[in-house]
Amino acid sequence: MRENVAFDAPVLSPDGSGGHEREWVKRYSCRAKFIYSRGSEAVSAARLEGRAIYKIKIRQCDASRVIKTDWRMRDTRRSETYNIREVDAITDPKWVYLTVESGVAQ
């Protein structure tokens, strides 16, 4: 686990004109392992469009089990932001696996 990541949840707040504005609030940070995705046609197509798809491995705990797909992940060392596409907290009792994607709108 060499990377430092933080997870932000969206919070809606009034914008003063009757609408809402989305803000990101940090909920959890931890160490992570980035696993480079390769091989599938979807991954290759994403790379051609300037998007990167990674599988992320983090330790399972109470805080990591509440991560949802509407949250975002930040690589705190490189200042990269990733959308969370998939959360797998069931397969392995020790780890939570995430599929994240960079280069797309939040």
PDB file of N, CA and C in Angstrom:
ATOM      1  N   MET A   1       0.840  -1.172   0.000  1.00  0.00           N
ATOM      2  CA  MET A   1       0.000   0.000   0.000  1.00  0.00           C
ATOM      3  C   MET A   1       0.888   1.238   0.000  1.00  0.00           C
ATOM      4  N   ARG A   2       1.125   1.764  -1.186  1.00  0.00           N
ATOM      5  CA  ARG A   2       2.048   2.896  -1.310  1.00  0.00           C
ATOM      6  C   ARG A   2       1.384   4.238  -1.525  1.00  0.00           C
ATOM      7  N   GLU A   3       0.135   4.229  -1.931  1.00  0.00           N
ATOM      8  CA  GLU A   3      -0.529   5.478  -2.299  1.00  0.00           C
ATOM      9  C   GLU A   3      -1.414   5.986  -1.163  1.00  0.00           C
ATOM     10  N   ASN A   4      -1.584   7.301  -1.098  1.00  0.00           N
ATOM     11  CA  ASN A   4      -2.505   7.930  -0.157  1.00  0.00           C
ATOM     12  C   ASN A   4      -3.706   8.434  -0.931  1.00  0.00           C
ATOM     13  N   VAL A   5      -4.891   8.044  -0.486  1.00  0.00           N
ATOM     14  CA  VAL A   5      -6.116   8.475  -1.150  1.00  0.00           C
ATOM     15  C   VAL A   5      -7.098   9.019  -0.121  1.00  0.00           C
ATOM     16  N   ALA A   6      -8.008   9.858  -0.597  1.00  0.00           N
ATOM     17  CA  ALA A   6      -9.078  10.394   0.238  1.00  0.00           C
ATOM     18  C   ALA A   6     -10.385  10.218  -0.512  1.00  0.00           C
ATOM     19  N   PHE A   7     -11.452  10.027   0.223  1.00  0.00           N
ATOM     20  CA  PHE A   7     -12.769   9.825  -0.359  1.00  0.00           C
ATOM     21  C   PHE A   7     -13.683  10.957   0.072  1.00  0.00           C
ATOM     22  N   ASP A   8     -14.335  11.584  -0.908  1.00  0.00           N
ATOM     23  CA  ASP A   8     -15.222  12.715  -0.667  1.00  0.00           C
ATOM     24  C   ASP A   8     -16.652  12.338  -1.030  1.00  0.00           C
ATOM     25  N   ALA A   9     -17.593  12.774  -0.187  1.00  0.00           N
ATOM     26  CA  ALA A   9     -19.017  12.534  -0.437  1.00  0.00           C
ATOM     27  C   ALA A   9     -19.662  13.842  -0.898  1.00  0.00           C
ATOM     28  N   PRO A  10     -20.624  13.764  -1.817  1.00  0.00           N
ATOM     29  CA  PRO A  10     -21.311  14.981  -2.248  1.00  0.00           C
ATOM     30  C   PRO A  10     -22.332  15.430  -1.210  1.00  0.00           C
ATOM     31  N   VAL A  11     -22.379  16.740  -0.982  1.00  0.00           N
ATOM     32  CA  VAL A  11     -23.339  17.337  -0.060  1.00  0.00           C
ATOM     33  C   VAL A  11     -24.012  18.490  -0.801  1.00  0.00           C
ATOM     34  N   LEU A  12     -25.340  18.506  -0.794  1.00  0.00           N
ATOM     35  CA  LEU A  12     -26.079  19.585  -1.434  1.00  0.00           C
ATOM     36  C   LEU A  12     -26.327  20.700  -0.429  1.00  0.00           C
ATOM     37  N   SER A  13     -26.033  21.929  -0.829  1.00  0.00           N
ATOM     38  CA  SER A  13     -26.277  23.083   0.030  1.00  0.00           C
ATOM     39  C   SER A  13     -27.027  24.135  -0.787  1.00  0.00           C
ATOM     40  N   PRO A  14     -27.871  24.939  -0.130  1.00  0.00           N
ATOM     41  CA  PRO A  14     -28.621  25.964  -0.858  1.00  0.00           C
ATOM     42  C   PRO A  14     -27.680  26.995  -1.477  1.00  0.00           C
ATOM     43  N   ASP A  15     -28.007  27.418  -2.703  1.00  0.00           N
ATOM     44  CA  ASP A  15     -27.145  28.390  -3.376  1.00  0.00           C
ATOM     45  C   ASP A  15     -27.641  29.825  -3.237  1.00  0.00           C
ATOM     46  N   GLY A  16     -28.750  30.041  -2.501  1.00  0.00           N
ATOM     47  CA  GLY A  16     -29.255  31.382  -2.262  1.00  0.00           C
ATOM     48  C   GLY A  16     -30.291  31.848  -3.263  1.00  0.00           C
ATOM     49  N   SER A  17     -30.463  31.133  -4.360  1.00  0.00           N
ATOM     50  CA  SER A  17     -31.461  31.538  -5.355  1.00  0.00           C
ATOM     51  C   SER A  17     -32.496  30.441  -5.596  1.00  0.00           C
ATOM     52  N   GLY A  18     -32.716  29.621  -4.590  1.00  0.00           N
ATOM     53  CA  GLY A  18     -33.728  28.578  -4.683  1.00  0.00           C
ATOM     54  C   GLY A  18     -33.232  27.243  -5.188  1.00  0.00           C
ATOM     55  N   GLY A  19     -31.993  27.172  -5.613  1.00  0.00           N
ATOM     56  CA  GLY A  19     -31.423  25.917  -6.100  1.00  0.00           C
ATOM     57  C   GLY A  19     -30.447  25.322  -5.097  1.00  0.00           C
ATOM     58  N   HIS A  20     -29.768  24.301  -5.525  1.00  0.00           N
ATOM     59  CA  HIS A  20     -28.774  23.655  -4.675  1.00  0.00           C
ATOM     60  C   HIS A  20     -27.448  23.588  -5.402  1.00  0.00           C
ATOM     61  N   GLU A  21     -26.400  23.609  -4.624  1.00  0.00           N
ATOM     62  CA  GLU A  21     -25.046  23.512  -5.152  1.00  0.00           C
ATOM     63  C   GLU A  21     -24.373  22.306  -4.509  1.00  0.00           C
ATOM     64  N   ARG A  22     -23.677  21.526  -5.319  1.00  0.00           N
ATOM     65  CA  ARG A  22     -23.000  20.348  -4.788  1.00  0.00           C
ATOM     66  C   ARG A  22     -21.601  20.722  -4.308  1.00  0.00           C
ATOM     67  N   GLU A  23     -21.304  20.319  -3.097  1.00  0.00           N
ATOM     68  CA  GLU A  23     -19.978  20.501  -2.526  1.00  0.00           C
ATOM     69  C   GLU A  23     -19.447  19.130  -2.140  1.00  0.00           C
ATOM     70  N   TRP A  24     -18.131  19.004  -2.100  1.00  0.00           N
ATOM     71  CA  TRP A  24     -17.512  17.739  -1.726  1.00  0.00           C
ATOM     72  C   TRP A  24     -16.951  17.858  -0.316  1.00  0.00           C
ATOM     73  N   VAL A  25     -17.281  16.870   0.528  1.00  0.00           N
ATOM     74  CA  VAL A  25     -16.818  16.850   1.909  1.00  0.00           C
ATOM     75  C   VAL A  25     -15.993  15.584   2.126  1.00  0.00           C
ATOM     76  N   LYS A  26     -14.787  15.741   2.646  1.00  0.00           N
ATOM     77  CA  LYS A  26     -13.920  14.589   2.891  1.00  0.00           C
ATOM     78  C   LYS A  26     -14.519  13.715   3.989  1.00  0.00           C
ATOM     79  N   ARG A  27     -14.643  12.413   3.700  1.00  0.00           N
ATOM     80  CA  ARG A  27     -15.222  11.465   4.659  1.00  0.00           C
ATOM     81  C   ARG A  27     -14.213  10.445   5.182  1.00  0.00           C
ATOM     82  N   TYR A  28     -13.198  10.131   4.374  1.00  0.00           N
ATOM     83  CA  TYR A  28     -12.293   9.053   4.766  1.00  0.00           C
ATOM     84  C   TYR A  28     -11.002   9.174   3.977  1.00  0.00           C
ATOM     85  N   SER A  29      -9.890   8.832   4.614  1.00  0.00           N
ATOM     86  CA  SER A  29      -8.611   8.765   3.900  1.00  0.00           C
ATOM     87  C   SER A  29      -7.860   7.532   4.377  1.00  0.00           C
ATOM     88  N   CYS A  30      -7.039   6.978   3.493  1.00  0.00           N
ATOM     89  CA  CYS A  30      -6.328   5.745   3.827  1.00  0.00           C
ATOM     90  C   CYS A  30      -5.205   5.507   2.827  1.00  0.00           C
ATOM     91  N   ARG A  31      -4.489   4.428   3.024  1.00  0.00           N
ATOM     92  CA  ARG A  31      -3.481   3.960   2.077  1.00  0.00           C
ATOM     93  C   ARG A  31      -4.166   3.035   1.075  1.00  0.00           C
ATOM     94  N   ALA A  32      -3.629   2.992  -0.135  1.00  0.00           N
ATOM     95  CA  ALA A  32      -4.268   2.193  -1.186  1.00  0.00           C
ATOM     96  C   ALA A  32      -3.215   1.620  -2.121  1.00  0.00           C
ATOM     97  N   LYS A  33      -3.642   0.600  -2.848  1.00  0.00           N
ATOM     98  CA  LYS A  33      -2.815   0.020  -3.899  1.00  0.00           C
ATOM     99  C   LYS A  33      -3.561   0.187  -5.218  1.00  0.00           C
ATOM    100  N   PHE A  34      -2.899   0.797  -6.204  1.00  0.00           N
ATOM    101  CA  PHE A  34      -3.469   0.979  -7.528  1.00  0.00           C
ATOM    102  C   PHE A  34      -3.106  -0.237  -8.376  1.00  0.00           C
ATOM    103  N   ILE A  35      -4.098  -0.848  -9.003  1.00  0.00           N
ATOM    104  CA  ILE A  35      -3.889  -1.988  -9.881  1.00  0.00           C
ATOM    105  C   ILE A  35      -4.299  -1.557 -11.277  1.00  0.00           C
ATOM    106  N   TYR A  36      -3.350  -1.500 -12.172  1.00  0.00           N
ATOM    107  CA  TYR A  36      -3.589  -1.019 -13.531  1.00  0.00           C
ATOM    108  C   TYR A  36      -4.473  -2.001 -14.282  1.00  0.00           C
ATOM    109  N   SER A  37      -5.579  -1.524 -14.825  1.00  0.00           N
ATOM    110  CA  SER A  37      -6.488  -2.377 -15.605  1.00  0.00           C
ATOM    111  C   SER A  37      -5.988  -2.461 -17.038  1.00  0.00           C
ATOM    112  N   ARG A  38      -5.989  -3.650 -17.569  1.00  0.00           N
ATOM    113  CA  ARG A  38      -5.542  -3.808 -18.947  1.00  0.00           C
ATOM    114  C   ARG A  38      -6.328  -4.923 -19.613  1.00  0.00           C
ATOM    115  N   GLY A  39      -6.303  -4.903 -20.915  1.00  0.00           N
ATOM    116  CA  GLY A  39      -6.811  -6.050 -21.645  1.00  0.00           C
ATOM    117  C   GLY A  39      -8.178  -5.918 -22.262  1.00  0.00           C
ATOM    118  N   SER A  40      -9.163  -5.381 -21.566  1.00  0.00           N
ATOM    119  CA  SER A  40     -10.507  -5.406 -22.144  1.00  0.00           C
ATOM    120  C   SER A  40     -10.673  -4.313 -23.195  1.00  0.00           C
ATOM    121  N   GLU A  41     -11.641  -4.515 -24.033  1.00  0.00           N
ATOM    122  CA  GLU A  41     -11.910  -3.558 -25.099  1.00  0.00           C
ATOM    123  C   GLU A  41     -12.378  -2.216 -24.531  1.00  0.00           C
ATOM    124  N   ALA A  42     -13.167  -2.260 -23.455  1.00  0.00           N
ATOM    125  CA  ALA A  42     -13.660  -1.027 -22.834  1.00  0.00           C
ATOM    126  C   ALA A  42     -12.514  -0.208 -22.253  1.00  0.00           C
ATOM    127  N   VAL A  43     -11.558  -0.878 -21.627  1.00  0.00           N
ATOM    128  CA  VAL A  43     -10.404  -0.193 -21.051  1.00  0.00           C
ATOM    129  C   VAL A  43      -9.557   0.438 -22.147  1.00  0.00           C
ATOM    130  N   SER A  44      -9.340  -0.277 -23.235  1.00  0.00           N
ATOM    131  CA  SER A  44      -8.565   0.256 -24.360  1.00  0.00           C
ATOM    132  C   SER A  44      -9.269   1.463 -24.984  1.00  0.00           C
ATOM    133  N   ALA A  45     -10.570   1.387 -25.127  1.00  0.00           N
ATOM    134  CA  ALA A  45     -11.333   2.507 -25.688  1.00  0.00           C
ATOM    135  C   ALA A  45     -11.271   3.723 -24.775  1.00  0.00           C
ATOM    136  N   ALA A  46     -11.334   3.491 -23.465  1.00  0.00           N
ATOM    137  CA  ALA A  46     -11.250   4.592 -22.506  1.00  0.00           C
ATOM    138  C   ALA A  46      -9.904   5.294 -22.602  1.00  0.00           C
ATOM    139  N   ARG A  47      -8.841   4.528 -22.751  1.00  0.00           N
ATOM    140  CA  ARG A  47      -7.510   5.134 -22.862  1.00  0.00           C
ATOM    141  C   ARG A  47      -7.376   5.984 -24.114  1.00  0.00           C
ATOM    142  N   LEU A  48      -7.988   5.548 -25.204  1.00  0.00           N
ATOM    143  CA  LEU A  48      -7.961   6.328 -26.432  1.00  0.00           C
ATOM    144  C   LEU A  48      -8.693   7.655 -26.274  1.00  0.00           C
ATOM    145  N   GLU A  49      -9.654   7.700 -25.366  1.00  0.00           N
ATOM    146  CA  GLU A  49     -10.402   8.925 -25.096  1.00  0.00           C
ATOM    147  C   GLU A  49      -9.772   9.763 -23.988  1.00  0.00           C
ATOM    148  N   GLY A  50      -8.621   9.366 -23.480  1.00  0.00           N
ATOM    149  CA  GLY A  50      -7.936  10.133 -22.443  1.00  0.00           C
ATOM    150  C   GLY A  50      -8.397   9.832 -21.031  1.00  0.00           C
ATOM    151  N   ARG A  51      -9.079   8.713 -20.836  1.00  0.00           N
ATOM    152  CA  ARG A  51      -9.530   8.319 -19.499  1.00  0.00           C
ATOM    153  C   ARG A  51      -8.691   7.143 -19.021  1.00  0.00           C
ATOM    154  N   ALA A  52      -8.445   7.093 -17.729  1.00  0.00           N
ATOM    155  CA  ALA A  52      -7.707   5.971 -17.151  1.00  0.00           C
ATOM    156  C   ALA A  52      -8.621   5.229 -16.184  1.00  0.00           C
ATOM    157  N   ILE A  53      -8.596   3.914 -16.244  1.00  0.00           N
ATOM    158  CA  ILE A  53      -9.403   3.083 -15.361  1.00  0.00           C
ATOM    159  C   ILE A  53      -8.450   2.249 -14.502  1.00  0.00           C
ATOM    160  N   TYR A  54      -8.657   2.302 -13.196  1.00  0.00           N
ATOM    161  CA  TYR A  54      -7.824   1.553 -12.257  1.00  0.00           C
ATOM    162  C   TYR A  54      -8.705   0.743 -11.323  1.00  0.00           C
ATOM    163  N   LYS A  55      -8.154  -0.332 -10.813  1.00  0.00           N
ATOM    164  CA  LYS A  55      -8.756  -1.063  -9.714  1.00  0.00           C
ATOM    165  C   LYS A  55      -7.961  -0.662  -8.477  1.00  0.00           C
ATOM    166  N   ILE A  56      -8.639  -0.326  -7.406  1.00  0.00           N
ATOM    167  CA  ILE A  56      -8.012   0.154  -6.179  1.00  0.00           C
ATOM    168  C   ILE A  56      -8.308  -0.838  -5.066  1.00  0.00           C
ATOM    169  N   LYS A  57      -7.307  -1.129  -4.271  1.00  0.00           N
ATOM    170  CA  LYS A  57      -7.460  -2.051  -3.147  1.00  0.00           C
ATOM    171  C   LYS A  57      -7.189  -1.271  -1.863  1.00  0.00           C
ATOM    172  N   ILE A  58      -8.178  -1.273  -0.926  1.00  0.00           N
ATOM    173  CA  ILE A  58      -8.009  -0.628   0.376  1.00  0.00           C
ATOM    174  C   ILE A  58      -8.444  -1.600   1.466  1.00  0.00           C
ATOM    175  N   ARG A  59      -7.953  -1.363   2.675  1.00  0.00           N
ATOM    176  CA  ARG A  59      -8.334  -2.234   3.796  1.00  0.00           C
ATOM    177  C   ARG A  59      -9.809  -2.050   4.156  1.00  0.00           C
ATOM    178  N   GLN A  60     -10.443  -3.165   4.504  1.00  0.00           N
ATOM    179  CA  GLN A  60     -11.836  -3.136   4.912  1.00  0.00           C
ATOM    180  C   GLN A  60     -11.933  -2.650   6.365  1.00  0.00           C
ATOM    181  N   CYS A  61     -12.810  -1.692   6.597  1.00  0.00           N
ATOM    182  CA  CYS A  61     -13.121  -1.196   7.938  1.00  0.00           C
ATOM    183  C   CYS A  61     -14.510  -0.569   7.874  1.00  0.00           C
ATOM    184  N   ASP A  62     -15.010  -0.073   8.995  1.00  0.00           N
ATOM    185  CA  ASP A  62     -16.347   0.523   9.003  1.00  0.00           C
ATOM    186  C   ASP A  62     -16.447   1.698   8.024  1.00  0.00           C
ATOM    187  N   ALA A  63     -15.415   2.534   7.983  1.00  0.00           N
ATOM    188  CA  ALA A  63     -15.438   3.714   7.109  1.00  0.00           C
ATOM    189  C   ALA A  63     -15.358   3.332   5.633  1.00  0.00           C
ATOM    190  N   SER A  64     -14.583   2.312   5.302  1.00  0.00           N
ATOM    191  CA  SER A  64     -14.431   1.938   3.887  1.00  0.00           C
ATOM    192  C   SER A  64     -15.663   1.210   3.356  1.00  0.00           C
ATOM    193  N   ARG A  65     -16.449   0.601   4.223  1.00  0.00           N
ATOM    194  CA  ARG A  65     -17.650  -0.112   3.771  1.00  0.00           C
ATOM    195  C   ARG A  65     -18.793   0.821   3.391  1.00  0.00           C
ATOM    196  N   VAL A  66     -18.719   2.104   3.751  1.00  0.00           N
ATOM    197  CA  VAL A  66     -19.809   3.030   3.412  1.00  0.00           C
ATOM    198  C   VAL A  66     -19.529   3.830   2.139  1.00  0.00           C
ATOM    199  N   ILE A  67     -18.393   3.619   1.490  1.00  0.00           N
ATOM    200  CA  ILE A  67     -18.075   4.306   0.236  1.00  0.00           C
ATOM    201  C   ILE A  67     -19.100   3.903  -0.819  1.00  0.00           C
ATOM    202  N   LYS A  68     -19.594   4.894  -1.559  1.00  0.00           N
ATOM    203  CA  LYS A  68     -20.618   4.651  -2.574  1.00  0.00           C
ATOM    204  C   LYS A  68     -20.136   5.140  -3.936  1.00  0.00           C
ATOM    205  N   THR A  69     -20.868   4.765  -4.980  1.00  0.00           N
ATOM    206  CA  THR A  69     -20.463   5.130  -6.333  1.00  0.00           C
ATOM    207  C   THR A  69     -20.715   6.599  -6.667  1.00  0.00           C
ATOM    208  N   ASP A  70     -21.463   7.334  -5.853  1.00  0.00           N
ATOM    209  CA  ASP A  70     -21.623   8.764  -6.117  1.00  0.00           C
ATOM    210  C   ASP A  70     -20.533   9.594  -5.421  1.00  0.00           C
ATOM    211  N   TRP A  71     -19.647   8.945  -4.701  1.00  0.00           N
ATOM    212  CA  TRP A  71     -18.506   9.615  -4.085  1.00  0.00           C
ATOM    213  C   TRP A  71     -17.397   9.768  -5.117  1.00  0.00           C
ATOM    214  N   ARG A  72     -16.343  10.465  -4.733  1.00  0.00           N
ATOM    215  CA  ARG A  72     -15.158  10.546  -5.582  1.00  0.00           C
ATOM    216  C   ARG A  72     -13.934  10.181  -4.748  1.00  0.00           C
ATOM    217  N   MET A  73     -12.889   9.769  -5.441  1.00  0.00           N
ATOM    218  CA  MET A  73     -11.630   9.436  -4.781  1.00  0.00           C
ATOM    219  C   MET A  73     -10.568  10.408  -5.269  1.00  0.00           C
ATOM    220  N   ARG A  74      -9.729  10.861  -4.353  1.00  0.00           N
ATOM    221  CA  ARG A  74      -8.621  11.739  -4.723  1.00  0.00           C
ATOM    222  C   ARG A  74      -7.306  11.071  -4.376  1.00  0.00           C
ATOM    223  N   ASP A  75      -6.374  11.114  -5.303  1.00  0.00           N
ATOM    224  CA  ASP A  75      -4.998  10.692  -5.052  1.00  0.00           C
ATOM    225  C   ASP A  75      -4.317  11.919  -4.457  1.00  0.00           C
ATOM    226  N   THR A  76      -4.050  11.900  -3.164  1.00  0.00           N
ATOM    227  CA  THR A  76      -3.567  13.104  -2.486  1.00  0.00           C
ATOM    228  C   THR A  76      -2.131  13.447  -2.845  1.00  0.00           C
ATOM    229  N   ARG A  77      -1.369  12.503  -3.332  1.00  0.00           N
ATOM    230  CA  ARG A  77       0.014  12.781  -3.709  1.00  0.00           C
ATOM    231  C   ARG A  77       0.097  13.445  -5.080  1.00  0.00           C
ATOM    232  N   ARG A  78      -0.714  12.992  -6.015  1.00  0.00           N
ATOM    233  CA  ARG A  78      -0.659  13.506  -7.390  1.00  0.00           C
ATOM    234  C   ARG A  78      -1.748  14.522  -7.714  1.00  0.00           C
ATOM    235  N   SER A  79      -2.651  14.775  -6.770  1.00  0.00           N
ATOM    236  CA  SER A  79      -3.782  15.698  -6.957  1.00  0.00           C
ATOM    237  C   SER A  79      -4.676  15.291  -8.124  1.00  0.00           C
ATOM    238  N   GLU A  80      -4.863  14.000  -8.323  1.00  0.00           N
ATOM    239  CA  GLU A  80      -5.778  13.469  -9.344  1.00  0.00           C
ATOM    240  C   GLU A  80      -7.113  13.137  -8.682  1.00  0.00           C
ATOM    241  N   THR A  81      -8.185  13.341  -9.417  1.00  0.00           N
ATOM    242  CA  THR A  81      -9.522  13.015  -8.928  1.00  0.00           C
ATOM    243  C   THR A  81     -10.118  11.926  -9.808  1.00  0.00           C
ATOM    244  N   TYR A  82     -10.786  10.970  -9.184  1.00  0.00           N
ATOM    245  CA  TYR A  82     -11.361   9.824  -9.889  1.00  0.00           C
ATOM    246  C   TYR A  82     -12.822   9.654  -9.505  1.00  0.00           C
ATOM    247  N   ASN A  83     -13.647   9.323 -10.480  1.00  0.00           N
ATOM    248  CA  ASN A  83     -15.022   8.918 -10.200  1.00  0.00           C
ATOM    249  C   ASN A  83     -15.006   7.450  -9.796  1.00  0.00           C
ATOM    250  N   ILE A  84     -15.798   7.106  -8.816  1.00  0.00           N
ATOM    251  CA  ILE A  84     -15.899   5.717  -8.376  1.00  0.00           C
ATOM    252  C   ILE A  84     -17.001   5.056  -9.193  1.00  0.00           C
ATOM    253  N   ARG A  85     -16.648   4.009  -9.925  1.00  0.00           N
ATOM    254  CA  ARG A  85     -17.599   3.318 -10.800  1.00  0.00           C
ATOM    255  C   ARG A  85     -18.182   2.068 -10.156  1.00  0.00           C
ATOM    256  N   GLU A  86     -17.405   1.422  -9.281  1.00  0.00           N
ATOM    257  CA  GLU A  86     -17.853   0.159  -8.688  1.00  0.00           C
ATOM    258  C   GLU A  86     -17.191  -0.005  -7.325  1.00  0.00           C
ATOM    259  N   VAL A  87     -17.953  -0.530  -6.356  1.00  0.00           N
ATOM    260  CA  VAL A  87     -17.436  -0.801  -5.016  1.00  0.00           C
ATOM    261  C   VAL A  87     -17.734  -2.251  -4.687  1.00  0.00           C
ATOM    262  N   ASP A  88     -16.696  -3.017  -4.347  1.00  0.00           N
ATOM    263  CA  ASP A  88     -16.856  -4.421  -3.970  1.00  0.00           C
ATOM    264  C   ASP A  88     -16.332  -4.607  -2.546  1.00  0.00           C
ATOM    265  N   ALA A  89     -17.250  -4.586  -1.578  1.00  0.00           N
ATOM    266  CA  ALA A  89     -16.884  -4.780  -0.180  1.00  0.00           C
ATOM    267  C   ALA A  89     -17.301  -6.166   0.303  1.00  0.00           C
ATOM    268  N   ILE A  90     -17.716  -7.042  -0.609  1.00  0.00           N
ATOM    269  CA  ILE A  90     -18.256  -8.354  -0.235  1.00  0.00           C
ATOM    270  C   ILE A  90     -17.292  -9.490  -0.531  1.00  0.00           C
ATOM    271  N   THR A  91     -16.592  -9.452  -1.639  1.00  0.00           N
ATOM    272  CA  THR A  91     -15.790 -10.568  -2.120  1.00  0.00           C
ATOM    273  C   THR A  91     -14.724 -11.012  -1.134  1.00  0.00           C
ATOM    274  N   ASP A  92     -14.012 -10.069  -0.539  1.00  0.00           N
ATOM    275  CA  ASP A  92     -12.889 -10.382   0.345  1.00  0.00           C
ATOM    276  C   ASP A  92     -13.127  -9.734   1.705  1.00  0.00           C
ATOM    277  N   PRO A  93     -13.062 -10.500   2.805  1.00  0.00           N
ATOM    278  CA  PRO A  93     -13.318  -9.912   4.122  1.00  0.00           C
ATOM    279  C   PRO A  93     -12.232  -8.937   4.605  1.00  0.00           C
ATOM    280  N   LYS A  94     -11.061  -8.946   3.989  1.00  0.00           N
ATOM    281  CA  LYS A  94      -9.979  -8.054   4.408  1.00  0.00           C
ATOM    282  C   LYS A  94      -9.873  -6.785   3.578  1.00  0.00           C
ATOM    283  N   TRP A  95     -10.396  -6.802   2.349  1.00  0.00           N
ATOM    284  CA  TRP A  95     -10.168  -5.713   1.408  1.00  0.00           C
ATOM    285  C   TRP A  95     -11.463  -5.224   0.786  1.00  0.00           C
ATOM    286  N   VAL A  96     -11.470  -3.954   0.398  1.00  0.00           N
ATOM    287  CA  VAL A  96     -12.522  -3.372  -0.434  1.00  0.00           C
ATOM    288  C   VAL A  96     -11.857  -3.055  -1.765  1.00  0.00           C
ATOM    289  N   TYR A  97     -12.462  -3.498  -2.856  1.00  0.00           N
ATOM    290  CA  TYR A  97     -11.946  -3.229  -4.195  1.00  0.00           C
ATOM    291  C   TYR A  97     -12.843  -2.197  -4.866  1.00  0.00           C
ATOM    292  N   LEU A  98     -12.224  -1.200  -5.474  1.00  0.00           N
ATOM    293  CA  LEU A  98     -12.951  -0.142  -6.160  1.00  0.00           C
ATOM    294  C   LEU A  98     -12.500  -0.092  -7.614  1.00  0.00           C
ATOM    295  N   THR A  99     -13.411   0.210  -8.499  1.00  0.00           N
ATOM    296  CA  THR A  99     -13.052   0.529  -9.876  1.00  0.00           C
ATOM    297  C   THR A  99     -13.265   2.017 -10.035  1.00  0.00           C
ATOM    298  N   VAL A 100     -12.195   2.725 -10.414  1.00  0.00           N
ATOM    299  CA  VAL A 100     -12.255   4.177 -10.521  1.00  0.00           C
ATOM    300  C   VAL A 100     -11.842   4.603 -11.922  1.00  0.00           C
ATOM    301  N   GLU A 101     -12.285   5.807 -12.316  1.00  0.00           N
ATOM    302  CA  GLU A 101     -11.999   6.309 -13.648  1.00  0.00           C
ATOM    303  C   GLU A 101     -11.649   7.790 -13.560  1.00  0.00           C
ATOM    304  N   SER A 102     -10.582   8.175 -14.231  1.00  0.00           N
ATOM    305  CA  SER A 102     -10.189   9.585 -14.296  1.00  0.00           C
ATOM    306  C   SER A 102     -10.538  10.149 -15.655  1.00  0.00           C
ATOM    307  N   GLY A 103     -10.492  11.470 -15.760  1.00  0.00           N
ATOM    308  CA  GLY A 103     -10.694  12.105 -17.054  1.00  0.00           C
ATOM    309  C   GLY A 103     -12.137  12.262 -17.474  1.00  0.00           C
ATOM    310  N   VAL A 104     -13.083  12.143 -16.529  1.00  0.00           N
ATOM    311  CA  VAL A 104     -14.497  12.327 -16.843  1.00  0.00           C
ATOM    312  C   VAL A 104     -15.077  13.384 -15.915  1.00  0.00           C
ATOM    313  N   ALA A 105     -16.176  14.001 -16.314  1.00  0.00           N
ATOM    314  CA  ALA A 105     -16.806  15.047 -15.513  1.00  0.00           C
ATOM    315  C   ALA A 105     -17.356  14.470 -14.220  1.00  0.00           C
ATOM    316  N   GLN A 106     -17.315  15.259 -13.189  1.00  0.00           N
ATOM    317  CA  GLN A 106     -17.804  14.846 -11.865  1.00  0.00           C
ATOM    318  C   GLN A 106     -19.299  14.918 -11.795  1.00  0.00           C
TER     319      GLN A 106
END
